[in-house]
Protein backbone atom coordinates (compact mmCIF):
# COMPACT_ATOMS: atom_id res chain seq x y z
CA UNK A 1 -14.39 -14.45 11.25
CA UNK A 2 -11.46 -15.95 10.72
CA UNK A 3 -8.87 -16.76 13.35
CA UNK A 4 -5.93 -14.46 13.97
CA UNK A 5 -3.44 -16.90 12.26
CA UNK A 6 -5.25 -16.93 9.10
CA UNK A 7 -6.07 -13.25 9.17
CA UNK A 8 -2.33 -12.34 9.72
CA UNK A 9 -1.37 -14.74 6.97
CA UNK A 10 -3.56 -13.19 4.52
CA UNK A 11 -2.20 -9.87 5.47
CA UNK A 12 1.18 -11.05 4.87
CA UNK A 13 0.60 -11.93 1.39
CA UNK A 14 -1.73 -9.15 0.59
CA UNK A 15 1.30 -6.60 1.84
CA UNK A 16 3.82 -8.57 -0.45
CA UNK A 17 1.44 -8.09 -3.20
CA UNK A 18 1.08 -4.55 -2.33
CA UNK A 19 5.10 -3.95 -2.30
CA UNK A 20 5.47 -6.03 -5.77
CA UNK A 21 2.61 -3.98 -7.31
CA UNK A 22 4.85 -0.68 -6.18
CA UNK A 23 8.08 -1.93 -7.57
CA UNK A 24 6.75 -3.41 -10.83
CA UNK A 25 4.48 -0.22 -11.33
CA UNK A 26 7.30 2.19 -10.58
CA UNK A 27 9.51 0.23 -12.79
CA UNK A 28 6.86 0.39 -15.83
CA UNK A 29 6.31 3.98 -15.17
CA UNK A 30 9.85 4.94 -14.86
CA UNK A 31 10.47 2.94 -18.16
CA UNK A 32 7.74 4.42 -20.02
CA UNK A 33 8.03 7.92 -18.88
CA UNK A 34 11.90 7.93 -18.77
CA UNK A 35 12.16 9.79 -15.34
CA UNK A 36 13.29 8.85 -11.82
CA UNK A 37 11.07 7.72 -9.26
CA UNK A 38 11.76 10.88 -7.02
CA UNK A 39 12.96 13.77 -9.90
CA UNK A 40 14.55 15.66 -6.83
CA UNK A 41 18.24 14.82 -6.89
CA UNK A 42 18.68 15.87 -3.51
CA UNK A 43 16.43 13.08 -2.02
CA UNK A 44 18.80 10.38 -0.78
CA UNK A 45 18.76 7.01 -2.28
CA UNK A 46 17.43 5.48 0.87
CA UNK A 47 14.50 7.66 1.51
CA UNK A 48 11.95 6.32 -0.91
CA UNK A 49 12.49 2.39 -0.18
CA UNK A 50 12.25 3.46 3.66
CA UNK A 51 8.86 5.33 3.05
CA UNK A 52 7.58 2.14 0.99
CA UNK A 53 8.39 -0.04 3.67
CA UNK A 54 6.84 1.99 6.30
CA UNK A 55 3.59 2.52 4.02
CA UNK A 56 3.49 -1.28 3.95
CA UNK A 57 3.79 -1.72 7.37
CA UNK A 58 0.58 0.77 7.52
CA UNK A 59 -1.09 -1.41 5.21
CA UNK A 60 -0.17 -4.57 6.77
CA UNK A 61 -1.58 -3.02 10.31
CA UNK A 62 -4.70 -2.08 8.60
CA UNK A 63 -5.40 -5.45 6.88
CA UNK A 64 -4.27 -7.40 9.99
CA UNK A 65 -6.92 -5.61 12.08
CA UNK A 66 -9.89 -7.61 12.95
CA UNK A 67 -12.24 -5.01 12.03
CA UNK A 68 -10.99 -5.49 8.23
CA UNK A 69 -12.11 -9.48 8.21
CA UNK A 70 -15.70 -7.95 8.91
CA UNK A 71 -15.68 -5.62 5.71
CA UNK A 72 -16.95 -8.32 3.53
CA UNK A 73 -20.02 -9.10 5.61
CA UNK A 74 -21.23 -5.48 5.29
CA UNK A 75 -21.47 -5.30 1.48
CA UNK A 76 -19.48 -4.68 -1.39
CA UNK A 77 -19.93 -0.75 -1.12
CA UNK A 78 -18.54 -0.77 2.61
CA UNK A 79 -15.24 -3.00 0.95
CA UNK A 80 -14.97 -0.68 -1.97
CA UNK A 81 -15.06 2.36 0.46
CA UNK A 82 -12.62 1.01 3.06
CA UNK A 83 -10.23 -0.04 0.37
CA UNK A 84 -10.51 3.70 -1.25
CA UNK A 85 -9.62 4.92 2.20
CA UNK A 86 -6.60 2.37 2.98
CA UNK A 87 -5.23 3.38 -0.50
CA UNK A 88 -5.39 7.05 0.23
CA UNK A 89 -3.77 6.61 3.68
CA UNK A 90 -1.03 4.39 2.33
CA UNK A 91 -0.15 6.84 -0.09
CA UNK A 92 -0.35 9.36 2.79
CA UNK A 93 1.70 7.49 5.00
CA UNK A 94 4.18 7.53 2.04
CA UNK A 95 4.54 10.65 1.21
CA UNK A 96 4.79 11.77 4.72
CA UNK A 97 7.64 9.63 5.84
CA UNK A 98 9.48 10.90 2.42
CA UNK A 99 8.97 14.47 3.48
CA UNK A 100 9.99 13.53 7.44
CA UNK A 101 13.12 11.60 6.17
CA UNK A 102 14.15 14.55 3.67
CA UNK A 103 13.59 16.85 6.70
CA UNK A 104 15.81 14.79 8.86
CA UNK A 105 18.87 14.01 6.04
CA UNK A 106 18.77 18.01 5.22
CA UNK A 107 17.81 19.85 8.45
CA UNK A 108 15.60 22.11 6.79
CA UNK A 109 12.06 22.43 7.37
CA UNK A 110 11.18 23.53 4.23
CA UNK A 111 12.79 20.40 2.47
CA UNK A 112 9.87 18.36 4.09
CA UNK A 113 7.14 20.13 2.16
CA UNK A 114 9.25 20.56 -1.20
CA UNK A 115 9.67 16.62 -1.11
CA UNK A 116 5.96 16.16 -0.49
CA UNK A 117 5.10 18.58 -3.07
CA UNK A 118 7.35 17.27 -5.90
CA UNK A 119 6.18 13.80 -5.29
CA UNK A 120 2.49 14.26 -4.81
CA UNK A 121 1.46 14.96 -8.42
CA UNK A 122 3.39 12.26 -9.79
CA UNK A 123 2.35 9.01 -11.47
CA UNK A 124 4.35 7.21 -8.99
CA UNK A 125 1.90 8.43 -6.59
CA UNK A 126 -0.96 7.00 -8.35
CA UNK A 127 0.90 3.53 -8.57
CA UNK A 128 1.16 3.35 -4.83
CA UNK A 129 -2.48 4.30 -4.61
CA UNK A 130 -3.94 1.57 -7.17
CA UNK A 131 -1.32 -1.03 -5.18
CA UNK A 132 -2.83 -0.11 -1.91
CA UNK A 133 -6.21 -0.44 -3.45
CA UNK A 134 -5.91 -3.69 -5.84
CA UNK A 135 -4.28 -5.33 -2.49
CA UNK A 136 -7.21 -4.09 -0.10
CA UNK A 137 -9.77 -5.52 -2.39
CA UNK A 138 -8.05 -8.86 -3.21
CA UNK A 139 -7.69 -9.36 0.55
CA UNK A 140 -11.54 -8.33 0.89
CA UNK A 141 -12.69 -10.75 -1.74
CA UNK A 142 -10.41 -13.46 -0.56
CA UNK A 143 -11.89 -13.16 2.47
CA UNK A 144 -15.69 -13.11 1.09
CA UNK A 145 -14.72 -16.26 -0.34
CA UNK A 146 -14.60 -18.03 3.19
CA UNK A 147 -11.43 -19.82 2.47
CA UNK A 148 -12.77 -22.94 2.40
CA UNK A 149 -12.09 -25.71 0.19
CA UNK A 150 -12.10 -25.13 -3.56
CA UNK A 151 -11.50 -28.34 -5.36
CA UNK A 152 -14.24 -31.09 -5.42
CA UNK A 153 -11.89 -33.81 -3.51
CA UNK A 154 -11.26 -31.20 -0.79
CA UNK A 155 -14.90 -30.78 0.09
CA UNK A 156 -16.60 -33.12 2.66
């Protein structure tokens, strides 16, 4: 199992990959479908970036946990299952924060459910799921390699 420094460093890069994939994926989806990320005009401009930021924080916490480092030693099925759970959790956090922030902004409890219901069935939600899954699998596969030297002159 890698030390905390290596574990946190890898988790930071995996989280940065998650955010980059979300931004790029949302850009492509928006460009191809000619839609906005959030179709509801009542959602404020800060709500979506904050919801992705909180989701990225949740992804980082999950990937930086010592337990995540042991996923690759348990087999490919375990890593695949854990990555799927992490991806679904990331999108759940993103949608929940989006709804909560919309509720705080409007003061109407129904706006929480409406914001989540409007955002959940969009392709943008699938982008968040895919980005979290790719980041988790990438970190798991990187950890499976052991992180040792890969160039001939770096080996002992």
